[in-house]
C-alpha atoms as a PDB file:
ATOM      1  CA  GLU A   1       0.000   0.000   0.000  1.00  0.00           C
ATOM      2  CA  VAL A   2       1.349   3.392  -0.995  1.00  0.00           C
ATOM      3  CA  GLY A   3       2.269   5.427   2.054  1.00  0.00           C
ATOM      4  CA  ALA A   4       1.580   2.571   4.505  1.00  0.00           C
ATOM      5  CA  PRO A   5       4.114   1.838   7.287  1.00  0.00           C
ATOM      6  CA  PRO A   6       6.624  -0.856   6.330  1.00  0.00           C
ATOM      7  CA  ARG A   7       6.688  -4.425   7.559  1.00  0.00           C
ATOM      8  CA  LEU A   8      10.113  -4.805   9.166  1.00  0.00           C
ATOM      9  CA  LEU A   9      12.477  -7.720   9.617  1.00  0.00           C
ATOM     10  CA  VAL A  10      15.267  -6.711  12.000  1.00  0.00           C
ATOM     11  CA  TYR A  11      18.344  -8.690  12.976  1.00  0.00           C
ATOM     12  CA  ASN A  12      20.105  -7.624  16.142  1.00  0.00           C
ATOM     13  CA  LEU A  13      23.551  -9.213  16.317  1.00  0.00           C
ATOM     14  CA  LEU A  14      24.798  -7.297  19.341  1.00  0.00           C
ATOM     15  CA  GLY A  15      27.224  -9.593  21.095  1.00  0.00           C
ATOM     16  CA  ALA A  16      29.240  -9.825  24.258  1.00  0.00           C
ATOM     17  CA  TRP A  17      31.868  -7.181  24.833  1.00  0.00           C
ATOM     18  CA  LEU A  18      33.956  -7.711  27.942  1.00  0.00           C
ATOM     19  CA  ARG A  19      35.062  -4.120  28.277  1.00  0.00           C
ATOM     20  CA  ASP A  20      31.573  -2.567  28.426  1.00  0.00           C
ATOM     21  CA  ALA A  21      29.131  -5.460  28.399  1.00  0.00           C
ATOM     22  CA  HIS A  22      26.137  -3.675  29.938  1.00  0.00           C
ATOM     23  CA  ARG A  23      26.213  -0.766  27.491  1.00  0.00           C
ATOM     24  CA  VAL A  24      26.740  -2.968  24.448  1.00  0.00           C
ATOM     25  CA  ILE A  25      24.345  -5.806  25.284  1.00  0.00           C
ATOM     26  CA  ARG A  26      21.430  -4.576  27.365  1.00  0.00           C
ATOM     27  CA  GLU A  27      21.458  -0.873  26.545  1.00  0.00           C
ATOM     28  CA  GLY A  28      22.176  -1.673  22.905  1.00  0.00           C
ATOM     29  CA  HIS A  29      19.029  -3.779  22.617  1.00  0.00           C
ATOM     30  CA  ARG A  30      16.987  -1.153  24.433  1.00  0.00           C
ATOM     31  CA  VAL A  31      18.085   1.577  22.031  1.00  0.00           C
ATOM     32  CA  VAL A  32      17.243  -0.586  19.020  1.00  0.00           C
ATOM     33  CA  LEU A  33      13.815  -1.519  20.399  1.00  0.00           C
ATOM     34  CA  GLU A  34      12.970   2.075  21.322  1.00  0.00           C
ATOM     35  CA  THR A  35      13.980   3.237  17.847  1.00  0.00           C
ATOM     36  CA  LEU A  36      11.809   0.584  16.227  1.00  0.00           C
ATOM     37  CA  LEU A  37       8.822   1.452  18.413  1.00  0.00           C
ATOM     38  CA  ALA A  38       9.175   5.124  17.500  1.00  0.00           C
ATOM     39  CA  ALA A  39       9.237   4.172  13.794  1.00  0.00           C
ATOM     40  CA  GLN A  40       5.730   2.629  14.131  1.00  0.00           C
ATOM     41  CA  PRO A  41       6.105  -0.147  11.547  1.00  0.00           C
ATOM     42  CA  ARG A  42       3.061  -2.053  10.344  1.00  0.00           C
ATOM     43  CA  SER A  43       4.566  -5.236  11.805  1.00  0.00           C
ATOM     44  CA  LEU A  44       7.943  -6.370  13.120  1.00  0.00           C
ATOM     45  CA  ARG A  45       9.891  -9.619  13.213  1.00  0.00           C
ATOM     46  CA  TYR A  46      12.824  -9.228  15.581  1.00  0.00           C
ATOM     47  CA  VAL A  47      15.585 -11.856  15.373  1.00  0.00           C
ATOM     48  CA  ALA A  48      18.087 -11.333  18.178  1.00  0.00           C
ATOM     49  CA  CYS A  49      21.294 -13.058  19.206  1.00  0.00           C
ATOM     50  CA  SER A  50      21.801 -14.198  22.762  1.00  0.00           C
ATOM     51  CA  ALA A  51      24.393 -16.772  23.852  1.00  0.00           C
ATOM     52  CA  THR A  52      24.647 -20.210  25.398  1.00  0.00           C
ATOM     53  CA  THR A  53      26.441 -18.598  28.362  1.00  0.00           C
ATOM     54  CA  ILE A  54      23.002 -18.034  29.919  1.00  0.00           C
ATOM     55  CA  TYR A  55      22.918 -21.727  30.914  1.00  0.00           C
ATOM     56  CA  GLY A  56      25.966 -21.405  33.147  1.00  0.00           C
ATOM     57  CA  ASN A  57      28.117 -24.295  34.326  1.00  0.00           C
ATOM     58  CA  ARG A  58      25.936 -27.447  34.025  1.00  0.00           C
ATOM     59  CA  PRO A  59      28.253 -30.485  33.802  1.00  0.00           C
ATOM     60  CA  PHE A  60      25.647 -33.174  34.463  1.00  0.00           C
ATOM     61  CA  GLU A  61      22.661 -31.950  32.452  1.00  0.00           C
ATOM     62  CA  ALA A  62      21.433 -32.326  28.885  1.00  0.00           C
ATOM     63  CA  LEU A  63      20.315 -28.781  28.161  1.00  0.00           C
ATOM     64  CA  THR A  64      17.502 -27.702  25.853  1.00  0.00           C
ATOM     65  CA  GLU A  65      15.623 -24.464  25.220  1.00  0.00           C
ATOM     66  CA  ASP A  66      13.319 -25.474  28.100  1.00  0.00           C
ATOM     67  CA  SER A  67      16.193 -25.613  30.605  1.00  0.00           C
ATOM     68  CA  ALA A  68      16.070 -22.719  33.046  1.00  0.00           C
ATOM     69  CA  PRO A  69      18.919 -20.219  32.676  1.00  0.00           C
ATOM     70  CA  ALA A  70      21.472 -20.299  35.493  1.00  0.00           C
ATOM     71  CA  PRO A  71      24.170 -17.827  34.429  1.00  0.00           C
ATOM     72  CA  ASP A  72      27.367 -17.560  36.424  1.00  0.00           C
ATOM     73  CA  THR A  73      29.028 -14.779  34.433  1.00  0.00           C
ATOM     74  CA  VAL A  74      28.325 -11.074  34.089  1.00  0.00           C
ATOM     75  CA  ILE A  75      27.549 -11.485  30.407  1.00  0.00           C
ATOM     76  CA  GLY A  76      25.279 -14.468  31.035  1.00  0.00           C
ATOM     77  CA  ARG A  77      23.230 -12.503  33.571  1.00  0.00           C
ATOM     78  CA  LEU A  78      22.996  -9.521  31.210  1.00  0.00           C
ATOM     79  CA  LEU A  79      21.738 -11.791  28.445  1.00  0.00           C
ATOM     80  CA  VAL A  80      19.032 -13.283  30.673  1.00  0.00           C
ATOM     81  CA  ASP A  81      17.829  -9.742  31.455  1.00  0.00           C
ATOM     82  CA  THR A  82      18.044  -8.781  27.801  1.00  0.00           C
ATOM     83  CA  GLU A  83      15.977 -11.777  26.720  1.00  0.00           C
ATOM     84  CA  ALA A  84      13.362 -10.684  29.258  1.00  0.00           C
ATOM     85  CA  ASP A  85      13.465  -7.146  27.828  1.00  0.00           C
ATOM     86  CA  ILE A  86      12.851  -8.521  24.341  1.00  0.00           C
ATOM     87  CA  ALA A  87       9.875 -10.599  25.525  1.00  0.00           C
ATOM     88  CA  ALA A  88       8.410  -7.577  27.346  1.00  0.00           C
ATOM     89  CA  ALA A  89       8.818  -5.428  24.231  1.00  0.00           C
ATOM     90  CA  ARG A  90       6.219  -7.552  22.447  1.00  0.00           C
ATOM     91  CA  ASP A  91       3.566  -6.331  24.895  1.00  0.00           C
ATOM     92  CA  ARG A  92       4.549  -2.705  24.280  1.00  0.00           C
ATOM     93  CA  PHE A  93       4.404  -3.113  20.516  1.00  0.00           C
ATOM     94  CA  HIS A  94       1.097  -4.956  20.651  1.00  0.00           C
ATOM     95  CA  ALA A  95      -0.343  -2.228  22.908  1.00  0.00           C
ATOM     96  CA  GLN A  96       0.285   0.199  20.069  1.00  0.00           C
ATOM     97  CA  GLY A  97      -1.300  -2.104  17.521  1.00  0.00           C
ATOM     98  CA  ILE A  98       1.987  -3.372  16.074  1.00  0.00           C
ATOM     99  CA  PRO A  99       2.224  -7.175  15.688  1.00  0.00           C
ATOM    100  CA  MET A 100       5.694  -8.312  16.793  1.00  0.00           C
ATOM    101  CA  ASP A 101       7.390 -11.706  16.538  1.00  0.00           C
ATOM    102  CA  THR A 102      10.567 -12.320  18.536  1.00  0.00           C
ATOM    103  CA  LEU A 103      13.079 -15.077  17.842  1.00  0.00           C
ATOM    104  CA  VAL A 104      16.089 -15.366  20.147  1.00  0.00           C
ATOM    105  CA  LEU A 105      19.056 -17.394  18.906  1.00  0.00           C
ATOM    106  CA  ARG A 106      21.400 -18.646  21.618  1.00  0.00           C
ATOM    107  CA  VAL A 107      24.825 -18.835  20.038  1.00  0.00           C
ATOM    108  CA  PRO A 108      28.071 -20.495  21.239  1.00  0.00           C
ATOM    109  CA  HIS A 109      31.610 -19.697  20.079  1.00  0.00           C
ATOM    110  CA  VAL A 110      31.299 -18.893  16.354  1.00  0.00           C
ATOM    111  CA  TYR A 111      34.374 -19.651  14.238  1.00  0.00           C
ATOM    112  CA  GLY A 112      35.221 -19.420  10.555  1.00  0.00           C
ATOM    113  CA  PRO A 113      36.143 -16.754   7.962  1.00  0.00           C
ATOM    114  CA  GLY A 114      35.887 -13.277   9.408  1.00  0.00           C
ATOM    115  CA  ARG A 115      36.158 -14.581  12.978  1.00  0.00           C
ATOM    116  CA  GLU A 116      39.745 -15.791  12.927  1.00  0.00           C
ATOM    117  CA  ARG A 117      41.769 -13.845  15.490  1.00  0.00           C
ATOM    118  CA  SER A 118      42.011 -16.611  18.089  1.00  0.00           C
ATOM    119  CA  PHE A 119      42.303 -19.191  15.298  1.00  0.00           C
ATOM    120  CA  GLU A 120      45.278 -17.338  13.805  1.00  0.00           C
ATOM    121  CA  LEU A 121      46.928 -17.047  17.217  1.00  0.00           C
ATOM    122  CA  MET A 122      46.514 -20.802  17.727  1.00  0.00           C
ATOM    123  CA  CYS A 123      48.016 -21.496  14.301  1.00  0.00           C
ATOM    124  CA  ARG A 124      51.113 -19.584  15.403  1.00  0.00           C
ATOM    125  CA  GLY A 125      51.237 -21.152  18.863  1.00  0.00           C
ATOM    126  CA  GLU A 126      50.465 -17.774  20.451  1.00  0.00           C
ATOM    127  CA  PHE A 127      47.400 -18.786  22.439  1.00  0.00           C
ATOM    128  CA  PHE A 128      46.928 -20.684  25.708  1.00  0.00           C
ATOM    129  CA  ILE A 129      44.436 -23.029  27.332  1.00  0.00           C
ATOM    130  CA  ALA A 130      42.438 -21.430  30.145  1.00  0.00           C
ATOM    131  CA  GLY A 131      42.302 -24.143  32.802  1.00  0.00           C
ATOM    132  CA  ASP A 132      42.886 -27.731  31.692  1.00  0.00           C
ATOM    133  CA  GLY A 133      40.630 -27.425  28.623  1.00  0.00           C
ATOM    134  CA  MET A 134      38.804 -30.662  29.306  1.00  0.00           C
ATOM    135  CA  ASN A 135      35.374 -29.112  29.785  1.00  0.00           C
ATOM    136  CA  PRO A 136      32.874 -29.928  26.984  1.00  0.00           C
ATOM    137  CA  MET A 137      32.146 -26.992  24.700  1.00  0.00           C
ATOM    138  CA  GLN A 138      30.174 -26.547  21.484  1.00  0.00           C
ATOM    139  CA  HIS A 139      30.934 -24.310  18.534  1.00  0.00           C
ATOM    140  CA  LEU A 140      29.219 -23.116  15.357  1.00  0.00           C
ATOM    141  CA  HIS A 141      30.718 -22.353  11.963  1.00  0.00           C
ATOM    142  CA  VAL A 142      29.884 -18.880  10.694  1.00  0.00           C
ATOM    143  CA  GLU A 143      28.299 -20.301   7.502  1.00  0.00           C
ATOM    144  CA  ASP A 144      25.876 -22.356   9.592  1.00  0.00           C
ATOM    145  CA  PHE A 145      25.201 -19.283  11.713  1.00  0.00           C
ATOM    146  CA  VAL A 146      24.285 -17.291   8.601  1.00  0.00           C
ATOM    147  CA  GLN A 147      22.078 -20.153   7.400  1.00  0.00           C
ATOM    148  CA  ALA A 148      20.190 -19.993  10.705  1.00  0.00           C
ATOM    149  CA  LEU A 149      19.757 -16.235  10.377  1.00  0.00           C
ATOM    150  CA  VAL A 150      18.279 -16.605   6.907  1.00  0.00           C
ATOM    151  CA  LEU A 151      15.887 -19.353   8.014  1.00  0.00           C
ATOM    152  CA  GLY A 152      14.971 -17.317  11.074  1.00  0.00           C
ATOM    153  CA  ALA A 153      13.372 -14.705   8.831  1.00  0.00           C
ATOM    154  CA  ASP A 154      10.507 -17.121   8.152  1.00  0.00           C
ATOM    155  CA  PRO A 155       7.866 -16.978  10.912  1.00  0.00           C
ATOM    156  CA  GLY A 156       6.418 -20.219   9.598  1.00  0.00           C
ATOM    157  CA  ARG A 157       9.406 -22.096  11.030  1.00  0.00           C
ATOM    158  CA  VAL A 158       9.658 -20.710  14.568  1.00  0.00           C
ATOM    159  CA  ARG A 159       7.305 -17.804  15.142  1.00  0.00           C
ATOM    160  CA  HIS A 160       8.291 -16.921  18.704  1.00  0.00           C
ATOM    161  CA  GLY A 161      10.704 -18.182  21.310  1.00  0.00           C
ATOM    162  CA  VAL A 162      14.261 -19.410  21.649  1.00  0.00           C
ATOM    163  CA  VAL A 163      16.473 -21.683  19.533  1.00  0.00           C
ATOM    164  CA  ASN A 164      19.912 -23.034  20.480  1.00  0.00           C
ATOM    165  CA  LEU A 165      22.404 -22.804  17.598  1.00  0.00           C
ATOM    166  CA  VAL A 166      25.113 -25.368  18.307  1.00  0.00           C
ATOM    167  CA  GLU A 167      26.972 -28.108  16.481  1.00  0.00           C
ATOM    168  CA  ASP A 168      25.996 -31.712  17.077  1.00  0.00           C
ATOM    169  CA  ARG A 169      28.353 -32.713  19.874  1.00  0.00           C
ATOM    170  CA  ALA A 170      30.101 -31.120  22.804  1.00  0.00           C
ATOM    171  CA  GLU A 171      33.793 -31.998  23.171  1.00  0.00           C
ATOM    172  CA  PRO A 172      36.561 -30.696  25.426  1.00  0.00           C
ATOM    173  CA  TYR A 173      37.637 -27.357  23.996  1.00  0.00           C
ATOM    174  CA  ARG A 174      41.251 -28.533  24.352  1.00  0.00           C
ATOM    175  CA  TYR A 175      40.462 -30.833  21.390  1.00  0.00           C
ATOM    176  CA  TYR A 176      39.617 -27.795  19.230  1.00  0.00           C
ATOM    177  CA  CYS A 177      43.012 -26.278  20.022  1.00  0.00           C
ATOM    178  CA  ASP A 178      44.863 -29.595  19.692  1.00  0.00           C
ATOM    179  CA  TYR A 179      43.391 -30.237  16.260  1.00  0.00           C
ATOM    180  CA  ILE A 180      44.770 -26.916  15.020  1.00  0.00           C
ATOM    181  CA  THR A 181      48.247 -27.366  16.476  1.00  0.00           C
ATOM    182  CA  GLU A 182      48.468 -30.979  15.257  1.00  0.00           C
ATOM    183  CA  VAL A 183      47.613 -30.071  11.668  1.00  0.00           C
ATOM    184  CA  MET A 184      49.968 -27.086  11.777  1.00  0.00           C
ATOM    185  CA  GLY A 185      52.790 -29.239  13.193  1.00  0.00           C
ATOM    186  CA  ILE A 186      53.470 -27.085  16.229  1.00  0.00           C
ATOM    187  CA  ALA A 187      53.606 -27.755  19.966  1.00  0.00           C
ATOM    188  CA  ARG A 188      50.389 -28.150  21.916  1.00  0.00           C
ATOM    189  CA  LEU A 189      49.257 -24.950  23.585  1.00  0.00           C
ATOM    190  CA  PRO A 190      50.168 -24.591  27.266  1.00  0.00           C
ATOM    191  CA  CYS A 191      47.573 -24.671  30.057  1.00  0.00           C
ATOM    192  CA  TYR A 192      47.361 -21.893  32.628  1.00  0.00           C
ATOM    193  CA  MET A 193      45.206 -21.870  35.725  1.00  0.00           C
ATOM    194  CA  LEU A 194      43.631 -18.528  36.590  1.00  0.00           C
ATOM    195  CA  GLU A 195      46.224 -17.580  39.196  1.00  0.00           C
ATOM    196  CA  GLU A 196      49.083 -18.475  36.833  1.00  0.00           C
ATOM    197  CA  ALA A 197      47.599 -16.389  34.031  1.00  0.00           C
ATOM    198  CA  ARG A 198      47.055 -13.434  36.356  1.00  0.00           C
ATOM    199  CA  ASP A 199      50.561 -13.557  37.811  1.00  0.00           C
ATOM    200  CA  SER A 200      52.359 -14.187  34.513  1.00  0.00           C
ATOM    201  CA  GLY A 201      50.428 -11.617  32.459  1.00  0.00           C
ATOM    202  CA  ILE A 202      50.066 -14.155  29.633  1.00  0.00           C
ATOM    203  CA  ALA A 203      46.493 -13.112  28.794  1.00  0.00           C
ATOM    204  CA  SER A 204      47.263  -9.422  28.384  1.00  0.00           C
ATOM    205  CA  ARG A 205      50.371 -10.166  26.287  1.00  0.00           C
ATOM    206  CA  LEU A 206      48.481 -12.406  23.869  1.00  0.00           C
ATOM    207  CA  LEU A 207      44.898 -11.140  23.976  1.00  0.00           C
ATOM    208  CA  GLY A 208      45.161  -7.464  24.803  1.00  0.00           C
ATOM    209  CA  PRO A 209      45.916  -5.070  27.671  1.00  0.00           C
ATOM    210  CA  HIS A 210      42.298  -5.068  28.900  1.00  0.00           C
ATOM    211  CA  PHE A 211      43.022  -8.550  30.309  1.00  0.00           C
ATOM    212  CA  ASP A 212      45.122  -6.858  32.982  1.00  0.00           C
ATOM    213  CA  ASN A 213      41.747  -6.134  34.581  1.00  0.00           C
ATOM    214  CA  PRO A 214      41.206  -8.993  37.101  1.00  0.00           C
ATOM    215  CA  ALA A 215      37.432  -8.912  36.600  1.00  0.00           C
ATOM    216  CA  ILE A 216      37.745  -9.329  32.820  1.00  0.00           C
ATOM    217  CA  LEU A 217      40.291 -12.117  33.223  1.00  0.00           C
ATOM    218  CA  ALA A 218      38.037 -13.932  35.717  1.00  0.00           C
ATOM    219  CA  GLU A 219      35.042 -13.585  33.382  1.00  0.00           C
ATOM    220  CA  PHE A 220      37.098 -15.013  30.520  1.00  0.00           C
ATOM    221  CA  TYR A 221      38.153 -17.981  32.662  1.00  0.00           C
ATOM    222  CA  ARG A 222      34.614 -18.641  33.874  1.00  0.00           C
ATOM    223  CA  TYR A 223      33.428 -18.748  30.246  1.00  0.00           C
ATOM    224  CA  MET A 224      36.325 -20.888  28.972  1.00  0.00           C
ATOM    225  CA  SER A 225      36.042 -23.412  31.819  1.00  0.00           C
ATOM    226  CA  CYS A 226      32.244 -23.732  31.685  1.00  0.00           C
ATOM    227  CA  GLN A 227      30.775 -27.198  31.081  1.00  0.00           C
ATOM    228  CA  ALA A 228      27.533 -27.384  29.130  1.00  0.00           C
ATOM    229  CA  THR A 229      26.102 -29.955  26.724  1.00  0.00           C
ATOM    230  CA  ILE A 230      23.344 -28.368  24.655  1.00  0.00           C
ATOM    231  CA  ALA A 231      20.865 -30.074  22.313  1.00  0.00           C
ATOM    232  CA  ASN A 232      20.194 -28.697  18.824  1.00  0.00           C
ATOM    233  CA  HIS A 233      16.996 -30.652  18.040  1.00  0.00           C
ATOM    234  CA  LYS A 234      14.891 -27.498  17.671  1.00  0.00           C
ATOM    235  CA  MET A 235      17.507 -25.899  15.408  1.00  0.00           C
ATOM    236  CA  ARG A 236      17.466 -28.911  13.117  1.00  0.00           C
ATOM    237  CA  GLY A 237      13.822 -29.958  13.377  1.00  0.00           C
ATOM    238  CA  GLN A 238      11.884 -26.682  13.553  1.00  0.00           C
ATOM    239  CA  LEU A 239      14.218 -24.006  12.242  1.00  0.00           C
ATOM    240  CA  GLY A 240      15.418 -26.397   9.545  1.00  0.00           C
ATOM    241  CA  VAL A 241      19.171 -25.827   9.737  1.00  0.00           C
ATOM    242  CA  ARG A 242      21.215 -28.473   7.926  1.00  0.00           C
ATOM    243  CA  LEU A 243      24.688 -28.110   9.342  1.00  0.00           C
ATOM    244  CA  ARG A 244      27.389 -27.900   6.720  1.00  0.00           C
ATOM    245  CA  TYR A 245      29.923 -28.331   9.522  1.00  0.00           C
ATOM    246  CA  PRO A 246      28.336 -30.559  12.219  1.00  0.00           C
ATOM    247  CA  ASN A 247      31.664 -30.841  14.073  1.00  0.00           C
ATOM    248  CA  PHE A 248      34.407 -28.263  14.518  1.00  0.00           C
ATOM    249  CA  ARG A 249      36.907 -30.563  12.791  1.00  0.00           C
ATOM    250  CA  ASP A 250      34.907 -30.265   9.577  1.00  0.00           C
ATOM    251  CA  GLY A 251      35.171 -26.495   9.524  1.00  0.00           C
ATOM    252  CA  LEU A 252      38.747 -26.358  10.779  1.00  0.00           C
ATOM    253  CA  ALA A 253      39.877 -28.887   8.154  1.00  0.00           C
ATOM    254  CA  GLN A 254      38.761 -26.530   5.410  1.00  0.00           C
ATOM    255  CA  MET A 255      40.348 -23.481   7.037  1.00  0.00           C
ATOM    256  CA  LEU A 256      43.624 -25.232   7.762  1.00  0.00           C
ATOM    257  CA  GLY A 257      43.707 -26.756   4.275  1.00  0.00           C
ATOM    258  CA  GLN A 258      43.460 -23.292   2.737  1.00  0.00           C
ATOM    259  CA  ILE A 259      46.329 -22.043   4.902  1.00  0.00           C
ATOM    260  CA  ARG A 260      48.563 -24.953   3.914  1.00  0.00           C
ATOM    261  CA  GLN A 261      47.737 -24.532   0.221  1.00  0.00           C
ATOM    262  CA  ALA A 262      48.588 -20.833   0.409  1.00  0.00           C
ATOM    263  CA  ALA A 263      51.925 -21.686   2.033  1.00  0.00           C
END
């Protein structure tokens, strides 16, 4: 209709930022939602990224979208509050006669082209294992992430609610690092406990000076040592994602193969 308000599809990819997490995550979503409400669209589908950190450390559970959040990090707690803000926004939009769908995608560590800083450090042996690295962790290749975003535009798949975006199996994150160093023919990355990393300054030397902040370093360690095994049945069955890289080795093999060919 000429002159009618638009129907909007909005992706909000605001992610965790250790140095100013509250402003980036929670306030960022609030600003976006307020701007959209002021625009008065005819309808809105809001696809937002959260993270699997909201589940916290759950070593003996099989987690699904129905599992209650139990965050044990600053970022995890912010994301729980932000998900609640997004759910509450639907009532505000509906009160103004604006139909609103909300889809929240809980994302783990995303790797692949364009997200290669830690990968490149590992390839050069300039990274370290936080803790012993034997805690199960899931990943997601960036191409599978993009596939999920595209499918998430369709309200006929998952109209409202939450979907976990994770690969098929959780494995110790040490295995992710070991696979890289083995293919590259370099020594396995060293392990540092939190106190060792703090006293040696290894994190700030390799990852940036903001890791001199004890709170940031502790948050990083809590995330990297977290144990969580998360099901992706809803991602596959309802959202319809067909993983191109169902295991991190599949994606890393391609990335490492390209590096070796270029060399």
